[in-house]
């Protein structure tokens, strides 16, 4: 409001100016959301990109699929199981902390854990496949 309003004509002129400004802004917003890709880019701008110390982008959509899924599944699972009868503040805190922790969960870390579990079970299967190897030889001195 740059111009002080002193009488009714000033008020009417200011109303007309504001209505014209509203039309201009509505046209600009309409152009911004005119097609699908511009709508997606506008929604993407709601999540600002930040860069970590090593120069990597740490934006919301820069994670792989496992990281994005864990960002929603981890807080939901924790709140429905471990923190079932907790209050609102505890559940909100769990949600914030688990979403921050989901940045450490990636497809590589899940695949690495899966490979470790597979090798653990493969080692147990190899031991059980050769039972005669683990027994005492028949001609030993322990008989």
N, C-alpha and C. Protein backbone atom coordinates (compact mmCIF):
# COMPACT_ATOMS: atom_id res chain seq x y z
N UNK A 1 0.85 -1.15 0.00
CA UNK A 1 0.00 0.00 0.00
C UNK A 1 0.90 1.22 0.00
N UNK A 2 1.29 1.65 -1.18
CA UNK A 2 2.22 2.76 -1.33
C UNK A 2 1.51 4.11 -1.21
N UNK A 3 0.31 4.20 -1.74
CA UNK A 3 -0.41 5.47 -1.79
C UNK A 3 -1.38 5.53 -0.61
N UNK A 4 -1.30 6.60 0.19
CA UNK A 4 -2.29 6.72 1.27
C UNK A 4 -3.66 7.04 0.68
N UNK A 5 -4.67 6.44 1.28
CA UNK A 5 -6.04 6.62 0.79
C UNK A 5 -6.66 7.77 1.57
N UNK A 6 -7.05 8.82 0.83
CA UNK A 6 -7.59 10.00 1.48
C UNK A 6 -9.09 10.17 1.27
N UNK A 7 -9.62 9.61 0.19
CA UNK A 7 -11.05 9.75 -0.06
C UNK A 7 -11.56 8.50 -0.76
N UNK A 8 -12.84 8.54 -1.15
CA UNK A 8 -13.48 7.37 -1.74
C UNK A 8 -12.92 7.04 -3.12
N UNK A 9 -12.51 8.05 -3.87
CA UNK A 9 -11.94 7.80 -5.20
C UNK A 9 -10.60 7.09 -5.10
N UNK A 10 -9.80 7.47 -4.12
CA UNK A 10 -8.52 6.77 -3.90
C UNK A 10 -8.76 5.30 -3.54
N UNK A 11 -9.80 5.07 -2.73
CA UNK A 11 -10.13 3.70 -2.34
C UNK A 11 -10.58 2.88 -3.55
N UNK A 12 -11.41 3.47 -4.41
CA UNK A 12 -11.89 2.76 -5.59
C UNK A 12 -10.73 2.47 -6.55
N UNK A 13 -9.83 3.43 -6.71
CA UNK A 13 -8.66 3.21 -7.57
C UNK A 13 -7.77 2.10 -7.03
N UNK A 14 -7.61 2.07 -5.73
CA UNK A 14 -6.79 1.02 -5.10
C UNK A 14 -7.44 -0.35 -5.28
N UNK A 15 -8.77 -0.41 -5.17
CA UNK A 15 -9.50 -1.67 -5.37
C UNK A 15 -9.33 -2.14 -6.81
N UNK A 16 -9.43 -1.24 -7.77
CA UNK A 16 -9.24 -1.60 -9.17
C UNK A 16 -7.81 -2.08 -9.43
N UNK A 17 -6.85 -1.40 -8.82
CA UNK A 17 -5.45 -1.81 -9.00
C UNK A 17 -5.22 -3.21 -8.43
N UNK A 18 -5.78 -3.50 -7.27
CA UNK A 18 -5.63 -4.81 -6.65
C UNK A 18 -6.33 -5.90 -7.45
N UNK A 19 -7.50 -5.60 -8.02
CA UNK A 19 -8.19 -6.58 -8.86
C UNK A 19 -7.39 -6.88 -10.12
N UNK A 20 -6.77 -5.85 -10.72
CA UNK A 20 -5.91 -6.07 -11.88
C UNK A 20 -4.70 -6.91 -11.53
N UNK A 21 -4.12 -6.64 -10.36
CA UNK A 21 -2.96 -7.42 -9.90
C UNK A 21 -3.37 -8.87 -9.65
N UNK A 22 -4.58 -9.07 -9.13
CA UNK A 22 -5.06 -10.44 -8.90
C UNK A 22 -5.22 -11.20 -10.22
N UNK A 23 -5.76 -10.52 -11.25
CA UNK A 23 -5.89 -11.16 -12.56
C UNK A 23 -4.54 -11.54 -13.14
N UNK A 24 -3.56 -10.66 -13.02
CA UNK A 24 -2.22 -10.94 -13.53
C UNK A 24 -1.61 -12.14 -12.83
N UNK A 25 -1.77 -12.19 -11.51
CA UNK A 25 -1.20 -13.30 -10.76
C UNK A 25 -1.92 -14.61 -11.04
N UNK A 26 -3.24 -14.55 -11.26
CA UNK A 26 -3.96 -15.78 -11.56
C UNK A 26 -3.56 -16.32 -12.94
N UNK A 27 -3.31 -15.44 -13.90
CA UNK A 27 -2.84 -15.87 -15.21
C UNK A 27 -1.45 -16.50 -15.09
N UNK A 28 -0.59 -15.89 -14.27
CA UNK A 28 0.77 -16.43 -14.08
C UNK A 28 0.72 -17.80 -13.42
N UNK A 29 -0.15 -17.97 -12.44
CA UNK A 29 -0.28 -19.27 -11.77
C UNK A 29 -0.87 -20.30 -12.73
N UNK A 30 -1.84 -19.87 -13.56
CA UNK A 30 -2.42 -20.78 -14.55
C UNK A 30 -1.39 -21.25 -15.54
N UNK A 31 -0.50 -20.37 -15.97
CA UNK A 31 0.56 -20.77 -16.90
C UNK A 31 1.55 -21.72 -16.23
N UNK A 32 1.77 -21.51 -14.95
CA UNK A 32 2.73 -22.36 -14.24
C UNK A 32 2.22 -23.79 -14.10
N UNK A 33 0.91 -23.95 -13.97
CA UNK A 33 0.32 -25.28 -13.80
C UNK A 33 -0.39 -25.75 -15.07
N UNK A 34 0.01 -25.25 -16.22
CA UNK A 34 -0.69 -25.55 -17.46
C UNK A 34 -0.52 -27.00 -17.91
N UNK A 35 0.70 -27.54 -17.86
CA UNK A 35 0.90 -28.92 -18.28
C UNK A 35 1.45 -29.75 -17.13
N UNK A 36 1.51 -31.05 -17.34
CA UNK A 36 1.87 -31.98 -16.28
C UNK A 36 3.30 -31.80 -15.79
N UNK A 37 4.22 -31.62 -16.70
CA UNK A 37 5.62 -31.52 -16.29
C UNK A 37 5.89 -30.27 -15.47
N UNK A 38 5.22 -29.18 -15.79
CA UNK A 38 5.42 -27.97 -14.98
C UNK A 38 4.80 -28.13 -13.60
N UNK A 39 3.71 -28.90 -13.51
CA UNK A 39 3.11 -29.17 -12.21
C UNK A 39 4.05 -30.01 -11.35
N UNK A 40 4.66 -31.02 -11.95
CA UNK A 40 5.59 -31.88 -11.21
C UNK A 40 6.82 -31.08 -10.77
N UNK A 41 7.33 -30.22 -11.63
CA UNK A 41 8.50 -29.43 -11.24
C UNK A 41 8.16 -28.45 -10.14
N UNK A 42 6.94 -27.94 -10.14
CA UNK A 42 6.51 -27.05 -9.06
C UNK A 42 6.41 -27.81 -7.75
N UNK A 43 5.84 -29.01 -7.81
CA UNK A 43 5.75 -29.83 -6.60
C UNK A 43 7.14 -30.26 -6.13
N UNK A 44 8.04 -30.50 -7.07
CA UNK A 44 9.41 -30.85 -6.71
C UNK A 44 10.14 -29.71 -6.04
N UNK A 45 9.75 -28.49 -6.35
CA UNK A 45 10.41 -27.34 -5.73
C UNK A 45 9.97 -27.16 -4.28
N UNK A 46 8.91 -27.88 -3.86
CA UNK A 46 8.51 -27.83 -2.46
C UNK A 46 9.52 -28.52 -1.57
N UNK A 47 10.28 -29.46 -2.13
CA UNK A 47 11.29 -30.19 -1.39
C UNK A 47 12.65 -29.64 -1.80
N UNK A 48 13.21 -28.75 -1.01
CA UNK A 48 14.45 -28.11 -1.44
C UNK A 48 15.61 -29.09 -1.45
N UNK A 49 16.53 -28.85 -2.37
CA UNK A 49 17.72 -29.69 -2.46
C UNK A 49 18.81 -29.09 -1.60
N UNK A 50 19.47 -29.95 -0.88
CA UNK A 50 20.61 -29.52 -0.10
C UNK A 50 21.78 -30.42 -0.45
N UNK A 51 22.97 -29.94 -0.23
CA UNK A 51 24.16 -30.69 -0.59
C UNK A 51 24.94 -31.03 0.66
N UNK A 52 25.43 -32.26 0.73
CA UNK A 52 26.22 -32.69 1.87
C UNK A 52 27.66 -32.19 1.73
N UNK A 53 28.49 -32.54 2.68
CA UNK A 53 29.87 -32.06 2.69
C UNK A 53 30.68 -32.59 1.52
N UNK A 54 30.36 -33.80 1.04
CA UNK A 54 31.12 -34.36 -0.08
C UNK A 54 30.56 -33.96 -1.44
N UNK A 55 29.57 -33.06 -1.46
CA UNK A 55 29.06 -32.53 -2.72
C UNK A 55 27.89 -33.30 -3.29
N UNK A 56 27.42 -34.33 -2.61
CA UNK A 56 26.27 -35.09 -3.09
C UNK A 56 24.99 -34.35 -2.75
N UNK A 57 24.02 -34.47 -3.61
CA UNK A 57 22.72 -33.87 -3.35
C UNK A 57 21.95 -34.77 -2.39
N UNK A 58 21.33 -34.17 -1.39
CA UNK A 58 20.59 -34.95 -0.39
C UNK A 58 19.12 -34.60 -0.43
N UNK A 59 18.56 -34.39 -1.60
CA UNK A 59 17.15 -34.05 -1.74
C UNK A 59 16.26 -35.24 -1.45
N UNK A 60 14.96 -34.98 -1.40
CA UNK A 60 13.98 -36.01 -1.06
C UNK A 60 13.94 -37.11 -2.11
N UNK A 61 13.95 -36.74 -3.39
CA UNK A 61 13.80 -37.73 -4.45
C UNK A 61 15.13 -38.25 -4.98
N UNK A 62 16.24 -37.94 -4.33
CA UNK A 62 17.54 -38.42 -4.77
C UNK A 62 17.87 -39.79 -4.20
N UNK A 63 17.01 -40.34 -3.37
CA UNK A 63 17.24 -41.67 -2.83
C UNK A 63 16.76 -42.71 -3.83
N UNK A 64 17.24 -43.95 -3.64
CA UNK A 64 16.75 -45.02 -4.47
C UNK A 64 15.39 -45.49 -3.94
N UNK A 65 14.81 -46.48 -4.59
CA UNK A 65 13.45 -46.91 -4.26
C UNK A 65 13.36 -47.47 -2.84
N UNK A 66 14.36 -48.21 -2.41
CA UNK A 66 14.35 -48.78 -1.06
C UNK A 66 14.39 -47.66 -0.02
N UNK A 67 15.19 -46.63 -0.27
CA UNK A 67 15.26 -45.50 0.66
C UNK A 67 13.95 -44.75 0.75
N UNK A 68 13.29 -44.55 -0.38
CA UNK A 68 12.00 -43.86 -0.36
C UNK A 68 10.94 -44.67 0.36
N UNK A 69 10.93 -45.98 0.13
CA UNK A 69 9.94 -46.83 0.80
C UNK A 69 10.21 -46.87 2.30
N UNK A 70 11.48 -46.98 2.69
CA UNK A 70 11.79 -47.03 4.11
C UNK A 70 11.48 -45.72 4.81
N UNK A 71 11.45 -44.64 4.06
CA UNK A 71 11.15 -43.33 4.65
C UNK A 71 9.71 -43.30 5.18
N UNK A 72 8.81 -44.08 4.58
CA UNK A 72 7.42 -44.11 5.03
C UNK A 72 7.10 -45.36 5.84
N UNK A 73 7.69 -46.48 5.47
CA UNK A 73 7.37 -47.75 6.13
C UNK A 73 7.99 -47.83 7.52
N UNK A 74 9.20 -47.34 7.69
CA UNK A 74 9.88 -47.44 8.98
C UNK A 74 9.13 -46.71 10.10
N UNK A 75 8.73 -45.44 9.94
CA UNK A 75 7.97 -44.80 11.03
C UNK A 75 6.61 -45.45 11.27
N UNK A 76 5.95 -45.86 10.19
CA UNK A 76 4.65 -46.51 10.33
C UNK A 76 4.79 -47.81 11.11
N UNK A 77 5.79 -48.60 10.78
CA UNK A 77 5.99 -49.89 11.45
C UNK A 77 6.34 -49.70 12.91
N UNK A 78 7.25 -48.76 13.19
CA UNK A 78 7.63 -48.52 14.58
C UNK A 78 6.45 -48.03 15.42
N UNK A 79 5.66 -47.13 14.87
CA UNK A 79 4.53 -46.59 15.62
C UNK A 79 3.42 -47.62 15.81
N UNK A 80 3.30 -48.59 14.91
CA UNK A 80 2.25 -49.61 15.04
C UNK A 80 2.68 -50.80 15.89
N UNK A 81 3.99 -50.98 16.10
CA UNK A 81 4.44 -52.15 16.86
C UNK A 81 5.04 -51.74 18.21
N UNK A 82 6.20 -51.16 18.19
CA UNK A 82 6.93 -50.88 19.44
C UNK A 82 6.28 -49.75 20.23
N UNK A 83 5.90 -48.67 19.55
CA UNK A 83 5.36 -47.49 20.23
C UNK A 83 3.85 -47.40 20.07
N UNK A 84 3.17 -48.54 20.23
CA UNK A 84 1.73 -48.60 19.99
C UNK A 84 0.94 -47.72 20.95
N UNK A 85 1.23 -47.77 22.23
CA UNK A 85 0.44 -47.03 23.22
C UNK A 85 1.16 -45.76 23.67
N UNK A 86 2.00 -45.22 22.83
CA UNK A 86 2.71 -43.99 23.17
C UNK A 86 1.87 -42.79 22.79
N UNK A 87 2.27 -41.65 23.33
CA UNK A 87 1.54 -40.42 23.07
C UNK A 87 1.92 -39.80 21.73
N UNK A 88 1.26 -38.70 21.43
CA UNK A 88 1.46 -38.02 20.16
C UNK A 88 2.89 -37.52 20.01
N UNK A 89 3.45 -36.94 21.06
CA UNK A 89 4.80 -36.38 20.97
C UNK A 89 5.84 -37.47 20.73
N UNK A 90 5.70 -38.60 21.37
CA UNK A 90 6.65 -39.70 21.17
C UNK A 90 6.54 -40.23 19.75
N UNK A 91 5.33 -40.37 19.25
CA UNK A 91 5.15 -40.87 17.88
C UNK A 91 5.69 -39.87 16.85
N UNK A 92 5.52 -38.59 17.11
CA UNK A 92 6.06 -37.58 16.20
C UNK A 92 7.58 -37.60 16.23
N UNK A 93 8.15 -37.76 17.40
CA UNK A 93 9.61 -37.83 17.53
C UNK A 93 10.15 -39.08 16.84
N UNK A 94 9.48 -40.21 17.00
CA UNK A 94 9.88 -41.45 16.32
C UNK A 94 9.81 -41.26 14.82
N UNK A 95 8.77 -40.59 14.34
CA UNK A 95 8.65 -40.33 12.90
C UNK A 95 9.79 -39.49 12.37
N UNK A 96 10.14 -38.43 13.09
CA UNK A 96 11.24 -37.58 12.64
C UNK A 96 12.57 -38.31 12.64
N UNK A 97 12.85 -39.01 13.72
CA UNK A 97 14.14 -39.71 13.83
C UNK A 97 14.24 -40.84 12.81
N UNK A 98 13.16 -41.58 12.61
CA UNK A 98 13.23 -42.69 11.65
C UNK A 98 13.30 -42.19 10.21
N UNK A 99 12.73 -41.04 9.91
CA UNK A 99 12.89 -40.50 8.57
C UNK A 99 14.31 -40.04 8.33
N UNK A 100 14.94 -39.48 9.36
CA UNK A 100 16.36 -39.12 9.21
C UNK A 100 17.22 -40.37 9.09
N UNK A 101 16.86 -41.42 9.81
CA UNK A 101 17.63 -42.66 9.76
C UNK A 101 17.44 -43.39 8.43
N UNK A 102 16.35 -43.11 7.73
CA UNK A 102 16.10 -43.80 6.47
C UNK A 102 17.09 -43.37 5.39
N UNK A 103 17.81 -42.28 5.59
CA UNK A 103 18.83 -41.88 4.62
C UNK A 103 19.99 -42.89 4.60
N UNK A 104 20.16 -43.63 5.69
CA UNK A 104 21.22 -44.62 5.76
C UNK A 104 20.80 -45.95 5.15
N UNK A 105 19.52 -46.12 4.91
CA UNK A 105 19.01 -47.35 4.31
C UNK A 105 18.97 -47.15 2.80
N UNK A 106 19.75 -47.92 2.09
CA UNK A 106 19.76 -47.83 0.63
C UNK A 106 19.69 -49.23 0.05
N UNK A 107 19.57 -49.29 -1.25
CA UNK A 107 19.51 -50.59 -1.91
C UNK A 107 20.81 -51.36 -1.70
N UNK A 108 21.93 -50.66 -1.68
CA UNK A 108 23.21 -51.32 -1.47
C UNK A 108 23.31 -51.92 -0.08
N UNK A 109 22.87 -51.19 0.93
CA UNK A 109 22.96 -51.73 2.29
C UNK A 109 22.03 -52.91 2.49
N UNK A 110 20.84 -52.88 1.88
CA UNK A 110 19.90 -54.00 1.99
C UNK A 110 20.46 -55.22 1.27
N UNK A 111 21.04 -55.01 0.09
CA UNK A 111 21.62 -56.13 -0.65
C UNK A 111 22.84 -56.71 0.08
N UNK A 112 23.63 -55.85 0.71
CA UNK A 112 24.77 -56.33 1.49
C UNK A 112 24.33 -57.18 2.67
N UNK A 113 23.28 -56.75 3.36
CA UNK A 113 22.73 -57.52 4.48
C UNK A 113 22.16 -58.85 3.99
N UNK A 114 21.49 -58.82 2.85
CA UNK A 114 20.92 -60.04 2.28
C UNK A 114 22.02 -61.03 1.91
N UNK A 115 23.12 -60.54 1.33
CA UNK A 115 24.24 -61.42 0.97
C UNK A 115 24.88 -62.03 2.21
N UNK A 116 25.00 -61.26 3.29
CA UNK A 116 25.57 -61.80 4.54
C UNK A 116 24.69 -62.90 5.10
N UNK A 117 23.38 -62.71 5.05
CA UNK A 117 22.45 -63.73 5.55
C UNK A 117 22.53 -64.98 4.69
N UNK A 118 22.61 -64.80 3.37
CA UNK A 118 22.72 -65.95 2.47
C UNK A 118 23.99 -66.74 2.73
N UNK A 119 25.12 -66.07 2.92
CA UNK A 119 26.37 -66.79 3.17
C UNK A 119 26.35 -67.49 4.52
N UNK A 120 25.65 -66.92 5.50
CA UNK A 120 25.53 -67.56 6.80
C UNK A 120 24.76 -68.86 6.68
N UNK A 121 23.64 -68.85 5.96
CA UNK A 121 22.87 -70.07 5.78
C UNK A 121 23.58 -71.05 4.85
N UNK A 122 24.31 -70.57 3.88
CA UNK A 122 25.05 -71.45 2.99
C UNK A 122 26.16 -72.17 3.76
N UNK A 123 26.80 -71.50 4.70
CA UNK A 123 27.83 -72.14 5.51
C UNK A 123 27.24 -73.21 6.40
N UNK A 124 26.06 -72.99 6.97
CA UNK A 124 25.41 -73.99 7.80
C UNK A 124 24.97 -75.20 6.97
N UNK A 125 24.52 -74.98 5.75
CA UNK A 125 24.12 -76.08 4.89
C UNK A 125 25.31 -76.93 4.49
N UNK A 126 26.46 -76.30 4.25
CA UNK A 126 27.65 -77.06 3.88
C UNK A 126 28.10 -77.95 5.03
N UNK A 127 27.97 -77.47 6.26
CA UNK A 127 28.36 -78.28 7.41
C UNK A 127 27.43 -79.49 7.56
N UNK A 128 26.17 -79.31 7.30
CA UNK A 128 25.23 -80.41 7.49
C UNK A 128 25.23 -81.38 6.31
N UNK A 129 25.78 -81.04 5.17
CA UNK A 129 25.79 -81.93 4.02
C UNK A 129 26.83 -83.04 4.17
N UNK A 130 27.90 -82.83 4.88
CA UNK A 130 28.94 -83.83 5.07
C UNK A 130 28.97 -84.28 6.53
N UNK A 131 28.03 -85.11 6.98
CA UNK A 131 28.03 -85.51 8.39
C UNK A 131 29.20 -86.42 8.75
N UNK A 132 29.71 -87.23 7.82
CA UNK A 132 30.82 -88.13 8.14
C UNK A 132 32.12 -87.36 8.36
N UNK A 133 32.19 -86.19 7.83
CA UNK A 133 33.40 -85.38 7.99
C UNK A 133 33.54 -84.89 9.42
N UNK A 134 32.43 -84.69 10.11
CA UNK A 134 32.45 -84.16 11.47
C UNK A 134 32.49 -85.26 12.53
N UNK A 135 32.53 -86.54 12.13
CA UNK A 135 32.54 -87.64 13.12
C UNK A 135 33.97 -88.10 13.39
N UNK A 136 34.12 -88.95 14.33
CA UNK A 136 35.42 -89.49 14.69
C UNK A 136 35.80 -90.59 13.69
N UNK A 137 37.01 -90.57 13.19
CA UNK A 137 37.41 -91.63 12.23
C UNK A 137 37.34 -93.00 12.92
N UNK A 138 37.05 -94.05 12.16
CA UNK A 138 36.87 -95.38 12.76
C UNK A 138 38.16 -95.95 13.33
N UNK A 139 39.33 -95.67 12.82
CA UNK A 139 40.56 -96.27 13.34
C UNK A 139 41.34 -95.31 14.26
N UNK A 140 40.66 -94.39 14.87
CA UNK A 140 41.38 -93.45 15.72
C UNK A 140 41.58 -94.03 17.11
N UNK A 141 42.39 -93.37 17.91
CA UNK A 141 42.73 -93.86 19.24
C UNK A 141 41.67 -93.52 20.28
N UNK A 142 40.64 -92.86 19.91
CA UNK A 142 39.63 -92.44 20.87
C UNK A 142 38.60 -93.50 21.15
N UNK A 143 38.65 -94.69 20.45
CA UNK A 143 37.69 -95.75 20.72
C UNK A 143 37.96 -96.39 22.01
